[in-house]
Amino acid sequence: MKIRLAKPKDKTRVLTLLNQLGKIINELVAFDPDNERAHILGRNNYDRVMKNDEVKLFVIEDKSKIMGVASFFILRDMITGRPFAHIDDFIIDEAERNKGYGTRLMHGILEYGKSHDIHAIQLTSSLQLVEAHKFYENLGGKFARKVIKFTL
C-alpha cells in the first residue's frame, strides 16, 4: 500500500472515484446532475491539474489498484505569506471503506504538508457528511470556521 501523486495514466480511475463522491453529494446534500459526470466533465480539467504545481491529487494504491483520491490545493496566506493547503475532495472507493485506506491517505497528505513547510491543511466537507466529520476529528482535525457558499 502506498500514497503517491496521481499520474496522467490514473485519469479514468480517479474520475470514477470522483463520480462516487458526486453520487454521495447528490443523495445527501443536493442533486446536481454534474456531480456524477466527473468521468466526462473532468477529463480536460484532470489534464490541467497534472500541469499545475499548486494542485496535487494524492492517491492511495494497493496491489496496483487506486483505492482513494484527495485533491490538495496549495495557497498562501495574504498576511504572512505562509503556505497552507485546502482539501476539496476526499474519497475512498465505496467497496474499500473501513479498511484503513482513508486513514493512511490522510496521514500521507499530512506528512507531505509537513515536509513541504505547509503550516496548515484545511478541508471542505458538506454539513450532511457526519460520518466523514467523525473520521476527520478522529485523525486530529478540528472544526475551525464556517464556509459560506455563493452559488452563481
C-alpha atoms as a PDB file:
ATOM      1  CA  MET A   1       0.000   0.000   0.000  1.00  0.00           C
ATOM      2  CA  LYS A   2       1.424   3.376  -0.927  1.00  0.00           C
ATOM      3  CA  ILE A   3       0.438   7.016  -1.129  1.00  0.00           C
ATOM      4  CA  ARG A   4       1.624   8.866  -4.225  1.00  0.00           C
ATOM      5  CA  LEU A   5       0.754  11.727  -6.500  1.00  0.00           C
ATOM      6  CA  ALA A   6      -1.612  10.852  -9.311  1.00  0.00           C
ATOM      7  CA  LYS A   7      -0.216  10.430 -12.799  1.00  0.00           C
ATOM      8  CA  PRO A   8      -1.820  11.093 -16.185  1.00  0.00           C
ATOM      9  CA  LYS A   9      -2.440   7.344 -16.588  1.00  0.00           C
ATOM     10  CA  ASP A  10      -4.635   7.377 -13.432  1.00  0.00           C
ATOM     11  CA  LYS A  11      -7.241   9.664 -15.000  1.00  0.00           C
ATOM     12  CA  THR A  12     -10.017   7.111 -15.587  1.00  0.00           C
ATOM     13  CA  ARG A  13      -9.804   5.610 -12.091  1.00  0.00           C
ATOM     14  CA  VAL A  14      -9.570   8.996 -10.346  1.00  0.00           C
ATOM     15  CA  LEU A  15     -12.580  10.331 -12.254  1.00  0.00           C
ATOM     16  CA  THR A  16     -14.532   7.152 -11.438  1.00  0.00           C
ATOM     17  CA  LEU A  17     -13.870   7.743  -7.738  1.00  0.00           C
ATOM     18  CA  LEU A  18     -14.969  11.376  -8.073  1.00  0.00           C
ATOM     19  CA  ASN A  19     -18.217  10.093  -9.599  1.00  0.00           C
ATOM     20  CA  GLN A  20     -18.747   8.097  -6.386  1.00  0.00           C
ATOM     21  CA  LEU A  21     -18.279  11.263  -4.356  1.00  0.00           C
ATOM     22  CA  GLY A  22     -20.741  13.075  -6.621  1.00  0.00           C
ATOM     23  CA  LYS A  23     -23.313  10.335  -6.041  1.00  0.00           C
ATOM     24  CA  ILE A  24     -22.966  10.728  -2.272  1.00  0.00           C
ATOM     25  CA  ILE A  25     -23.349  14.504  -2.545  1.00  0.00           C
ATOM     26  CA  ASN A  26     -26.451  14.043  -4.722  1.00  0.00           C
ATOM     27  CA  GLU A  27     -28.037  11.659  -2.206  1.00  0.00           C
ATOM     28  CA  LEU A  28     -27.261  13.604   0.953  1.00  0.00           C
ATOM     29  CA  VAL A  29     -26.872  17.254   0.041  1.00  0.00           C
ATOM     30  CA  ALA A  30     -28.449  18.494  -3.164  1.00  0.00           C
ATOM     31  CA  PHE A  31     -28.940  16.945  -6.551  1.00  0.00           C
ATOM     32  CA  ASP A  32     -26.892  18.287  -9.407  1.00  0.00           C
ATOM     33  CA  PRO A  33     -26.531  16.041 -12.470  1.00  0.00           C
ATOM     34  CA  ASP A  34     -22.965  17.279 -12.985  1.00  0.00           C
ATOM     35  CA  ASN A  35     -21.908  15.721  -9.672  1.00  0.00           C
ATOM     36  CA  GLU A  36     -21.969  12.263 -11.238  1.00  0.00           C
ATOM     37  CA  ARG A  37     -20.378  13.257 -14.540  1.00  0.00           C
ATOM     38  CA  ALA A  38     -16.746  13.651 -13.471  1.00  0.00           C
ATOM     39  CA  HIS A  39     -15.761  10.981 -15.968  1.00  0.00           C
ATOM     40  CA  ILE A  40     -16.987  13.337 -18.718  1.00  0.00           C
ATOM     41  CA  LEU A  41     -16.606  16.849 -17.304  1.00  0.00           C
ATOM     42  CA  GLY A  42     -13.312  16.221 -15.528  1.00  0.00           C
ATOM     43  CA  ARG A  43     -11.286  14.909 -18.476  1.00  0.00           C
ATOM     44  CA  ASN A  44      -9.853  18.253 -19.553  1.00  0.00           C
ATOM     45  CA  ASN A  45      -9.586  19.573 -16.018  1.00  0.00           C
ATOM     46  CA  TYR A  46      -7.585  16.497 -14.970  1.00  0.00           C
ATOM     47  CA  ASP A  47      -5.010  17.300 -17.641  1.00  0.00           C
ATOM     48  CA  ARG A  48      -4.764  20.916 -16.393  1.00  0.00           C
ATOM     49  CA  VAL A  49      -4.341  19.732 -12.795  1.00  0.00           C
ATOM     50  CA  MET A  50      -1.473  17.467 -13.835  1.00  0.00           C
ATOM     51  CA  LYS A  51       0.376  20.558 -15.127  1.00  0.00           C
ATOM     52  CA  ASN A  52      -0.346  22.817 -12.121  1.00  0.00           C
ATOM     53  CA  ASP A  53       2.337  22.823  -9.404  1.00  0.00           C
ATOM     54  CA  GLU A  54      -0.101  24.247  -6.846  1.00  0.00           C
ATOM     55  CA  VAL A  55      -2.665  21.462  -7.188  1.00  0.00           C
ATOM     56  CA  LYS A  56      -1.917  17.879  -6.230  1.00  0.00           C
ATOM     57  CA  LEU A  57      -4.010  14.763  -6.497  1.00  0.00           C
ATOM     58  CA  PHE A  58      -2.979  12.200  -3.913  1.00  0.00           C
ATOM     59  CA  VAL A  59      -3.930   8.576  -4.421  1.00  0.00           C
ATOM     60  CA  ILE A  60      -3.673   5.535  -2.237  1.00  0.00           C
ATOM     61  CA  GLU A  61      -2.779   2.429  -4.170  1.00  0.00           C
ATOM     62  CA  ASP A  62      -2.916  -1.189  -3.047  1.00  0.00           C
ATOM     63  CA  LYS A  63      -1.870  -4.055  -5.293  1.00  0.00           C
ATOM     64  CA  SER A  64      -1.776  -1.685  -8.299  1.00  0.00           C
ATOM     65  CA  LYS A  65      -5.362  -0.510  -7.720  1.00  0.00           C
ATOM     66  CA  ILE A  66      -6.188   3.054  -6.689  1.00  0.00           C
ATOM     67  CA  MET A  67      -8.416   2.830  -3.611  1.00  0.00           C
ATOM     68  CA  GLY A  68      -8.899   6.543  -2.960  1.00  0.00           C
ATOM     69  CA  VAL A  69      -8.076  10.070  -4.037  1.00  0.00           C
ATOM     70  CA  ALA A  70      -7.805  13.517  -2.466  1.00  0.00           C
ATOM     71  CA  SER A  71      -7.410  16.911  -4.121  1.00  0.00           C
ATOM     72  CA  PHE A  72      -4.893  19.241  -2.471  1.00  0.00           C
ATOM     73  CA  PHE A  73      -4.620  22.933  -3.337  1.00  0.00           C
ATOM     74  CA  ILE A  74      -1.588  24.908  -2.140  1.00  0.00           C
ATOM     75  CA  LEU A  75      -2.363  28.529  -1.252  1.00  0.00           C
ATOM     76  CA  ARG A  76      -0.593  31.395   0.545  1.00  0.00           C
ATOM     77  CA  ASP A  77      -1.834  33.420   3.472  1.00  0.00           C
ATOM     78  CA  MET A  78      -2.239  37.022   2.303  1.00  0.00           C
ATOM     79  CA  ILE A  79      -0.832  38.473   5.542  1.00  0.00           C
ATOM     80  CA  THR A  80       2.052  36.169   6.416  1.00  0.00           C
ATOM     81  CA  GLY A  81       2.755  34.659   3.005  1.00  0.00           C
ATOM     82  CA  ARG A  82       2.983  31.238   4.634  1.00  0.00           C
ATOM     83  CA  PRO A  83       1.717  28.336   2.567  1.00  0.00           C
ATOM     84  CA  PHE A  84      -1.355  26.395   3.617  1.00  0.00           C
ATOM     85  CA  ALA A  85      -3.380  23.811   1.763  1.00  0.00           C
ATOM     86  CA  HIS A  86      -7.002  23.022   1.126  1.00  0.00           C
ATOM     87  CA  ILE A  87      -8.500  19.575   0.511  1.00  0.00           C
ATOM     88  CA  ASP A  88     -11.697  19.830  -1.503  1.00  0.00           C
ATOM     89  CA  ASP A  89     -12.306  16.192  -2.491  1.00  0.00           C
ATOM     90  CA  PHE A  90     -11.506  13.144  -0.379  1.00  0.00           C
ATOM     91  CA  ILE A  91     -12.988   9.800  -1.399  1.00  0.00           C
ATOM     92  CA  ILE A  92     -12.234   6.151  -0.762  1.00  0.00           C
ATOM     93  CA  ASP A  93     -13.808   3.577  -3.075  1.00  0.00           C
ATOM     94  CA  GLU A  94     -17.167   2.635  -1.581  1.00  0.00           C
ATOM     95  CA  ALA A  95     -16.243  -1.074  -1.727  1.00  0.00           C
ATOM     96  CA  GLU A  96     -12.974  -0.438   0.162  1.00  0.00           C
ATOM     97  CA  ARG A  97     -14.110   1.732   3.077  1.00  0.00           C
ATOM     98  CA  ASN A  98     -13.347   0.916   6.709  1.00  0.00           C
ATOM     99  CA  LYS A  99     -10.160  -0.899   5.741  1.00  0.00           C
ATOM    100  CA  GLY A 100      -7.732   1.832   6.794  1.00  0.00           C
ATOM    101  CA  TYR A 101      -7.219   3.395   3.358  1.00  0.00           C
ATOM    102  CA  GLY A 102      -8.676   6.749   4.369  1.00  0.00           C
ATOM    103  CA  THR A 103      -6.510   6.970   7.470  1.00  0.00           C
ATOM    104  CA  ARG A 104      -3.384   6.064   5.529  1.00  0.00           C
ATOM    105  CA  LEU A 105      -4.200   8.547   2.770  1.00  0.00           C
ATOM    106  CA  MET A 106      -4.787  11.384   5.234  1.00  0.00           C
ATOM    107  CA  HIS A 107      -1.587  10.569   7.141  1.00  0.00           C
ATOM    108  CA  GLY A 108       0.330  10.617   3.855  1.00  0.00           C
ATOM    109  CA  ILE A 109      -1.123  14.015   2.987  1.00  0.00           C
ATOM    110  CA  LEU A 110      -0.279  15.402   6.430  1.00  0.00           C
ATOM    111  CA  GLU A 111       3.301  14.149   6.105  1.00  0.00           C
ATOM    112  CA  TYR A 112       3.584  15.744   2.682  1.00  0.00           C
ATOM    113  CA  GLY A 113       2.393  19.022   4.168  1.00  0.00           C
ATOM    114  CA  LYS A 114       4.926  18.872   6.992  1.00  0.00           C
ATOM    115  CA  SER A 115       7.780  18.054   4.648  1.00  0.00           C
ATOM    116  CA  HIS A 116       6.850  20.961   2.344  1.00  0.00           C
ATOM    117  CA  ASP A 117       6.572  23.605   5.104  1.00  0.00           C
ATOM    118  CA  ILE A 118       2.807  23.887   4.788  1.00  0.00           C
ATOM    119  CA  HIS A 119       1.646  25.294   8.114  1.00  0.00           C
ATOM    120  CA  ALA A 120      -1.995  24.127   7.986  1.00  0.00           C
ATOM    121  CA  ILE A 121      -4.311  21.961   5.932  1.00  0.00           C
ATOM    122  CA  GLN A 122      -7.996  22.729   5.859  1.00  0.00           C
ATOM    123  CA  LEU A 123     -10.747  20.816   4.128  1.00  0.00           C
ATOM    124  CA  THR A 124     -14.278  21.363   2.988  1.00  0.00           C
ATOM    125  CA  SER A 125     -16.939  18.809   3.839  1.00  0.00           C
ATOM    126  CA  SER A 126     -20.683  19.066   3.321  1.00  0.00           C
ATOM    127  CA  LEU A 127     -22.631  19.518   6.533  1.00  0.00           C
ATOM    128  CA  GLN A 128     -24.577  16.299   5.941  1.00  0.00           C
ATOM    129  CA  LEU A 129     -21.450  14.101   5.866  1.00  0.00           C
ATOM    130  CA  VAL A 130     -21.483  13.477   9.602  1.00  0.00           C
ATOM    131  CA  GLU A 131     -19.534  10.207   9.426  1.00  0.00           C
ATOM    132  CA  ALA A 132     -16.801  11.926   7.431  1.00  0.00           C
ATOM    133  CA  HIS A 133     -16.612  14.641  10.092  1.00  0.00           C
ATOM    134  CA  LYS A 134     -16.113  11.994  12.789  1.00  0.00           C
ATOM    135  CA  PHE A 135     -13.374  10.432  10.673  1.00  0.00           C
ATOM    136  CA  TYR A 136     -11.525  13.767  10.322  1.00  0.00           C
ATOM    137  CA  GLU A 137     -11.921  14.558  14.018  1.00  0.00           C
ATOM    138  CA  ASN A 138     -10.555  11.121  14.972  1.00  0.00           C
ATOM    139  CA  LEU A 139      -7.459  11.991  12.931  1.00  0.00           C
ATOM    140  CA  GLY A 140      -6.974  15.201  14.903  1.00  0.00           C
ATOM    141  CA  GLY A 141      -8.907  17.632  12.727  1.00  0.00           C
ATOM    142  CA  LYS A 142     -10.825  20.435  14.447  1.00  0.00           C
ATOM    143  CA  PHE A 143     -13.793  22.472  13.298  1.00  0.00           C
ATOM    144  CA  ALA A 144     -12.282  25.934  12.901  1.00  0.00           C
ATOM    145  CA  ARG A 145     -14.665  28.003  10.797  1.00  0.00           C
ATOM    146  CA  LYS A 146     -17.806  28.024   8.727  1.00  0.00           C
ATOM    147  CA  VAL A 147     -17.714  28.149   4.964  1.00  0.00           C
ATOM    148  CA  ILE A 148     -20.217  30.408   3.266  1.00  0.00           C
ATOM    149  CA  LYS A 149     -21.074  29.394  -0.284  1.00  0.00           C
ATOM    150  CA  PHE A 150     -22.467  31.635  -3.014  1.00  0.00           C
ATOM    151  CA  THR A 151     -23.880  29.618  -5.901  1.00  0.00           C
ATOM    152  CA  LEU A 152     -23.573  31.559  -9.144  1.00  0.00           C
END
